[in-house]
């Protein structure tokens, strides 16, 4: 996960720990001496909030760091840094946190991909298809985003590039019908994985959310137990808005996992922790670039280390 928070050729963005040390009013030495009562942790709280950890997670982290300092468990900057890393990792491992994809016991595994316009949904599907193709699996991609002709064309290019089968229809076709046909084709062709795209939609668009519910419902009728994964794609650059989007989508359909994209374009990786904590859903993948291999299966330990390293 060495490329997290940076694009190839770019200067590395400052980690959370570097920004903590850069704030002149944050006297790490005071924190290490247990000076919590004099407000020395206020700057740490501000930095965590600025890194999109969200209020609940920030307060929990600051409280634990302060407690460790007062009890003498943190005596050096290295111990402070290590404590922060371990606490971030622990937050990511809380509750429902298994990053492994749920695969069907029989027949193709059906993965439904949902999200807001511009979150990187179609690109993620292409990368996911490439991920499975590298494992030697037969993949079929269904273009149930029939709202934009461009989305169908973009997905077709990804299918061709990765060697995946492709099912689509004309723009304006009922998305649920395309999803149904994609699963039919997946069964007939012996696909291992069927990935179904959907149109990007604002979480406040009632009609489009109802359409998404229909797609989910029709998939379940076509194949018992499907979709085996419903992955919500979130743009990592939008901060706490991602948390609100996730809450609204989770009220519409049962989400099984999260995908956070564009983490190469932001130094505010705390949103990954915040959205996991808010929904008690596992982060399955993170996107760190545009190339087919710029997709990382989520690893809480590696993520926490990257976030807090020098």
Protein backbone atom coordinates (compact mmCIF):
# COMPACT_ATOMS: atom_id res chain seq x y z
CA UNK A 1 0.00 0.00 0.00
CA UNK A 2 3.01 2.24 -0.53
CA UNK A 3 1.27 4.42 -3.11
CA UNK A 4 -1.52 5.51 -0.81
CA UNK A 5 -2.21 9.26 -0.82
CA UNK A 6 0.09 9.99 -3.76
CA UNK A 7 0.20 9.69 -7.51
CA UNK A 8 3.29 8.37 -9.24
CA UNK A 9 5.77 11.19 -9.71
CA UNK A 10 4.09 13.43 -7.14
CA UNK A 11 5.79 14.53 -3.96
CA UNK A 12 4.36 12.47 -1.09
CA UNK A 13 1.55 14.21 0.80
CA UNK A 14 2.17 14.77 4.46
CA UNK A 15 1.05 11.98 6.73
CA UNK A 16 -1.13 12.57 9.73
CA UNK A 17 1.91 12.32 12.01
CA UNK A 18 3.89 14.85 9.97
CA UNK A 19 1.03 17.33 10.20
CA UNK A 20 0.82 16.82 13.95
CA UNK A 21 4.51 17.65 14.30
CA UNK A 22 4.21 20.62 11.92
CA UNK A 23 1.68 22.45 14.07
CA UNK A 24 3.76 24.82 16.14
CA UNK A 25 1.24 25.06 18.96
CA UNK A 26 1.18 21.29 19.39
CA UNK A 27 3.89 20.65 21.94
CA UNK A 28 4.38 16.92 21.69
CA UNK A 29 6.60 17.05 24.71
CA UNK A 30 3.78 18.50 26.82
CA UNK A 31 1.44 15.73 25.66
CA UNK A 32 4.06 13.12 26.52
CA UNK A 33 4.36 14.57 30.00
CA UNK A 34 0.64 14.10 30.49
CA UNK A 35 -0.29 17.74 30.19
CA UNK A 36 -3.84 17.01 29.14
CA UNK A 37 -5.52 19.33 31.58
CA UNK A 38 -3.86 22.41 30.12
CA UNK A 39 -5.48 21.80 26.72
CA UNK A 40 -2.39 20.47 24.97
CA UNK A 41 -4.53 17.90 23.11
CA UNK A 42 -6.75 20.52 21.48
CA UNK A 43 -4.43 20.81 18.48
CA UNK A 44 -4.42 17.03 18.05
CA UNK A 45 -8.21 17.08 18.06
CA UNK A 46 -8.26 19.85 15.45
CA UNK A 47 -5.85 17.95 13.17
CA UNK A 48 -7.86 14.73 13.38
CA UNK A 49 -11.06 16.59 12.55
CA UNK A 50 -9.28 18.29 9.66
CA UNK A 51 -8.20 14.86 8.39
CA UNK A 52 -11.90 13.83 8.25
CA UNK A 53 -11.90 11.35 11.11
CA UNK A 54 -15.25 12.76 12.21
CA UNK A 55 -16.29 13.85 15.68
CA UNK A 56 -16.98 10.47 17.37
CA UNK A 57 -13.74 8.85 16.21
CA UNK A 58 -11.68 11.97 16.91
CA UNK A 59 -12.96 12.28 20.47
CA UNK A 60 -12.30 8.59 21.12
CA UNK A 61 -8.74 8.78 19.77
CA UNK A 62 -7.87 11.96 21.66
CA UNK A 63 -9.30 10.55 24.88
CA UNK A 64 -7.25 7.36 24.58
CA UNK A 65 -4.03 9.20 23.67
CA UNK A 66 -4.51 11.52 26.63
CA UNK A 67 -5.16 8.59 28.94
CA UNK A 68 -2.04 6.77 27.79
CA UNK A 69 0.04 9.90 28.33
CA UNK A 70 -1.29 10.51 31.83
CA UNK A 71 -0.59 6.92 32.83
CA UNK A 72 2.96 7.12 31.53
CA UNK A 73 2.47 4.58 28.73
CA UNK A 74 3.73 7.11 26.17
CA UNK A 75 7.16 8.50 26.97
CA UNK A 76 8.69 9.28 23.59
CA UNK A 77 7.57 10.61 20.22
CA UNK A 78 8.09 7.15 18.74
CA UNK A 79 5.76 5.66 21.34
CA UNK A 80 3.24 8.43 20.66
CA UNK A 81 3.38 7.71 16.93
CA UNK A 82 3.04 3.97 17.50
CA UNK A 83 0.09 4.46 19.84
CA UNK A 84 -1.69 6.57 17.24
CA UNK A 85 -1.09 3.90 14.58
CA UNK A 86 -2.36 1.12 16.82
CA UNK A 87 -5.46 3.09 17.80
CA UNK A 88 -6.34 3.87 14.16
CA UNK A 89 -5.92 0.21 13.26
CA UNK A 90 -8.07 -0.82 16.24
CA UNK A 91 -10.85 1.52 15.09
CA UNK A 92 -10.76 -0.10 11.64
CA UNK A 93 -10.97 -3.59 13.15
CA UNK A 94 -13.95 -2.77 15.35
CA UNK A 95 -17.25 -4.51 14.59
CA UNK A 96 -18.00 -5.64 11.04
CA UNK A 97 -14.56 -5.25 9.49
CA UNK A 98 -13.75 -8.34 7.39
CA UNK A 99 -12.42 -7.05 4.04
CA UNK A 100 -12.76 -10.40 2.24
CA UNK A 101 -15.37 -10.60 -0.52
CA UNK A 102 -18.22 -13.03 0.00
CA UNK A 103 -18.21 -15.52 -2.86
CA UNK A 104 -21.12 -17.71 -3.95
CA UNK A 105 -20.98 -21.36 -2.96
CA UNK A 106 -22.44 -22.31 -6.34
CA UNK A 107 -22.80 -20.45 -9.62
CA UNK A 108 -21.48 -16.97 -10.31
CA UNK A 109 -20.82 -14.52 -7.53
CA UNK A 110 -22.95 -11.43 -8.21
CA UNK A 111 -21.55 -8.06 -7.16
CA UNK A 112 -23.79 -4.99 -7.35
CA UNK A 113 -21.94 -1.67 -7.44
CA UNK A 114 -23.71 1.54 -6.37
CA UNK A 115 -22.73 5.12 -5.63
CA UNK A 116 -23.06 8.83 -6.33
CA UNK A 117 -22.21 10.49 -9.65
CA UNK A 118 -18.48 11.04 -10.04
CA UNK A 119 -17.37 8.74 -7.23
CA UNK A 120 -15.41 6.54 -9.64
CA UNK A 121 -17.86 3.67 -9.84
CA UNK A 122 -17.26 2.62 -13.45
CA UNK A 123 -13.49 2.84 -13.07
CA UNK A 124 -13.68 0.72 -9.92
CA UNK A 125 -15.65 -1.94 -11.80
CA UNK A 126 -12.97 -2.06 -14.47
CA UNK A 127 -10.26 -2.44 -11.84
CA UNK A 128 -12.29 -5.12 -10.03
CA UNK A 129 -12.73 -7.04 -13.29
CA UNK A 130 -8.96 -6.87 -13.80
CA UNK A 131 -8.46 -8.07 -10.21
CA UNK A 132 -10.54 -11.19 -10.83
CA UNK A 133 -9.10 -11.82 -14.29
CA UNK A 134 -5.61 -11.92 -12.76
CA UNK A 135 -6.91 -14.73 -10.56
CA UNK A 136 -7.95 -16.65 -13.66
CA UNK A 137 -11.68 -16.11 -13.12
CA UNK A 138 -14.19 -15.62 -15.91
CA UNK A 139 -15.85 -12.24 -15.38
CA UNK A 140 -18.99 -10.76 -16.90
CA UNK A 141 -19.81 -7.07 -16.57
CA UNK A 142 -23.41 -5.86 -16.82
CA UNK A 143 -23.99 -2.23 -17.83
CA UNK A 144 -27.15 -1.46 -15.87
CA UNK A 145 -26.29 2.24 -15.93
CA UNK A 146 -28.60 2.91 -18.87
CA UNK A 147 -29.01 6.58 -18.04
CA UNK A 148 -25.84 7.68 -19.87
CA UNK A 149 -24.71 6.20 -23.20
CA UNK A 150 -21.19 7.28 -22.27
CA UNK A 151 -21.26 5.07 -19.18
CA UNK A 152 -22.09 2.03 -21.32
CA UNK A 153 -19.25 2.82 -23.73
CA UNK A 154 -16.79 3.39 -20.89
CA UNK A 155 -17.67 0.09 -19.27
CA UNK A 156 -17.42 -1.73 -22.61
CA UNK A 157 -13.87 -0.41 -23.00
CA UNK A 158 -12.94 -1.67 -19.54
CA UNK A 159 -14.42 -5.09 -20.37
CA UNK A 160 -12.40 -5.27 -23.58
CA UNK A 161 -9.24 -4.14 -21.81
CA UNK A 162 -9.56 -6.73 -19.04
CA UNK A 163 -10.93 -9.60 -21.12
CA UNK A 164 -14.30 -9.66 -19.37
CA UNK A 165 -17.58 -10.59 -21.05
CA UNK A 166 -20.01 -7.72 -21.47
CA UNK A 167 -23.80 -7.36 -21.42
CA UNK A 168 -25.57 -4.09 -22.20
CA UNK A 169 -28.70 -2.68 -23.79
CA UNK A 170 -29.81 0.57 -25.33
CA UNK A 171 -29.76 3.77 -23.25
CA UNK A 172 -33.07 4.18 -21.44
CA UNK A 173 -33.65 0.44 -20.98
CA UNK A 174 -34.94 -0.65 -17.58
CA UNK A 175 -31.75 -1.12 -15.48
CA UNK A 176 -33.31 -4.03 -13.60
CA UNK A 177 -33.88 -5.85 -16.89
CA UNK A 178 -30.22 -5.41 -17.84
CA UNK A 179 -29.14 -6.73 -14.45
CA UNK A 180 -31.42 -9.75 -14.91
CA UNK A 181 -30.01 -10.42 -18.40
CA UNK A 182 -26.45 -10.09 -17.12
CA UNK A 183 -26.99 -12.80 -14.52
CA UNK A 184 -28.70 -14.99 -17.12
CA UNK A 185 -25.69 -14.58 -19.40
CA UNK A 186 -23.30 -15.23 -16.53
CA UNK A 187 -24.99 -18.52 -15.71
CA UNK A 188 -25.14 -19.59 -19.38
CA UNK A 189 -21.51 -18.70 -20.10
CA UNK A 190 -20.13 -20.19 -16.92
CA UNK A 191 -18.91 -16.93 -15.43
CA UNK A 192 -17.29 -17.01 -12.01
CA UNK A 193 -18.19 -13.39 -11.23
CA UNK A 194 -20.91 -11.08 -12.53
CA UNK A 195 -20.39 -7.38 -11.75
CA UNK A 196 -23.43 -5.15 -12.23
CA UNK A 197 -22.97 -1.42 -12.70
CA UNK A 198 -25.72 1.06 -11.79
CA UNK A 199 -26.31 4.70 -12.63
CA UNK A 200 -24.74 7.22 -10.30
CA UNK A 201 -27.37 8.94 -8.24
CA UNK A 202 -27.56 11.54 -5.54
CA UNK A 203 -28.51 10.05 -2.20
CA UNK A 204 -31.32 12.63 -2.04
CA UNK A 205 -32.96 11.53 -5.34
CA UNK A 206 -35.98 9.52 -4.21
CA UNK A 207 -36.97 8.21 -7.64
CA UNK A 208 -33.47 7.03 -8.49
CA UNK A 209 -33.06 5.41 -5.10
CA UNK A 210 -36.31 3.50 -5.72
CA UNK A 211 -34.86 2.37 -9.06
CA UNK A 212 -31.79 1.07 -7.25
CA UNK A 213 -34.01 -0.85 -4.83
CA UNK A 214 -35.73 -2.46 -7.81
CA UNK A 215 -32.42 -3.54 -9.33
CA UNK A 216 -31.40 -5.10 -6.02
CA UNK A 217 -34.77 -6.83 -5.69
CA UNK A 218 -34.76 -8.23 -9.25
CA UNK A 219 -31.24 -9.61 -8.81
CA UNK A 220 -32.43 -11.47 -5.72
CA UNK A 221 -35.38 -12.92 -7.61
CA UNK A 222 -33.17 -14.13 -10.46
CA UNK A 223 -30.65 -15.82 -8.17
CA UNK A 224 -31.22 -16.84 -4.58
CA UNK A 225 -28.76 -15.17 -2.24
CA UNK A 226 -27.72 -12.56 -4.79
CA UNK A 227 -26.30 -10.00 -4.82
CA UNK A 228 -23.59 -11.63 -2.77
CA UNK A 229 -21.93 -8.26 -2.37
CA UNK A 230 -23.44 -4.78 -2.66
CA UNK A 231 -20.50 -2.40 -2.71
CA UNK A 232 -20.95 1.34 -2.16
CA UNK A 233 -18.30 3.44 -3.90
CA UNK A 234 -17.39 6.66 -2.08
CA UNK A 235 -15.16 9.52 -3.20
CA UNK A 236 -12.43 9.91 -0.58
CA UNK A 237 -11.92 13.59 -1.42
CA UNK A 238 -15.36 14.75 -0.23
CA UNK A 239 -14.73 14.17 3.46
CA UNK A 240 -17.66 13.93 5.85
CA UNK A 241 -20.15 14.19 2.99
CA UNK A 242 -19.16 10.60 2.20
CA UNK A 243 -20.47 9.56 5.61
CA UNK A 244 -23.84 11.18 4.94
CA UNK A 245 -24.04 9.60 1.49
CA UNK A 246 -23.26 6.19 2.93
CA UNK A 247 -25.97 6.49 5.57
CA UNK A 248 -28.62 7.36 2.97
CA UNK A 249 -27.63 4.54 0.62
CA UNK A 250 -27.58 2.02 3.46
CA UNK A 251 -31.18 2.93 4.28
CA UNK A 252 -32.21 2.07 0.71
CA UNK A 253 -30.45 -1.27 0.17
CA UNK A 254 -28.42 -3.60 2.39
CA UNK A 255 -24.80 -2.64 1.74
CA UNK A 256 -22.19 -5.29 2.44
CA UNK A 257 -19.00 -3.31 1.91
CA UNK A 258 -17.39 0.02 1.12
CA UNK A 259 -14.98 1.13 -1.58
CA UNK A 260 -13.17 4.44 -1.05
CA UNK A 261 -11.67 5.92 -4.22
CA UNK A 262 -9.31 8.79 -5.08
CA UNK A 263 -7.17 8.42 -1.98
CA UNK A 264 -4.20 9.37 -4.14
CA UNK A 265 -5.77 12.84 -4.41
CA UNK A 266 -6.25 13.60 -0.74
CA UNK A 267 -4.24 13.68 2.46
CA UNK A 268 -7.44 13.31 4.51
CA UNK A 269 -7.60 9.55 4.82
CA UNK A 270 -9.46 9.71 8.12
CA UNK A 271 -12.75 9.48 6.20
CA UNK A 272 -12.06 5.76 5.75
CA UNK A 273 -12.10 5.36 9.53
CA UNK A 274 -15.11 7.65 9.94
CA UNK A 275 -17.36 5.91 7.42
CA UNK A 276 -16.50 2.48 8.79
CA UNK A 277 -17.29 3.64 12.31
CA UNK A 278 -20.54 5.35 11.29
CA UNK A 279 -22.03 2.38 9.42
CA UNK A 280 -20.23 -0.61 10.95
CA UNK A 281 -19.42 -1.82 7.44
CA UNK A 282 -16.12 -3.26 6.23
CA UNK A 283 -13.94 -1.36 3.79
CA UNK A 284 -13.26 -3.85 0.98
CA UNK A 285 -11.09 -1.85 -1.43
CA UNK A 286 -9.42 1.52 -1.79
CA UNK A 287 -8.60 3.22 -5.09
CA UNK A 288 -5.23 4.92 -5.42
CA UNK A 289 -5.05 5.86 -9.11
CA UNK A 290 -6.53 5.43 -12.59
CA UNK A 291 -4.63 2.38 -13.87
CA UNK A 292 -6.14 -1.10 -13.79
CA UNK A 293 -3.82 -2.18 -10.97
CA UNK A 294 -4.44 0.93 -8.85
CA UNK A 295 -6.85 -0.95 -6.60
CA UNK A 296 -5.86 -2.20 -3.18
CA UNK A 297 -7.63 -4.88 -1.18
CA UNK A 298 -8.07 -3.12 2.14
CA UNK A 299 -5.61 -3.94 4.91
CA UNK A 300 -6.31 -2.11 8.22
CA UNK A 301 -2.74 -2.52 9.49
CA UNK A 302 -1.14 -1.26 6.28
CA UNK A 303 -3.61 1.62 6.03
CA UNK A 304 -3.00 2.75 9.62
CA UNK A 305 0.77 2.52 9.10
CA UNK A 306 0.65 4.55 5.89
CA UNK A 307 -1.60 7.16 7.49
CA UNK A 308 0.68 7.73 10.46
CA UNK A 309 4.18 7.14 9.12
CA UNK A 310 6.84 9.88 8.84
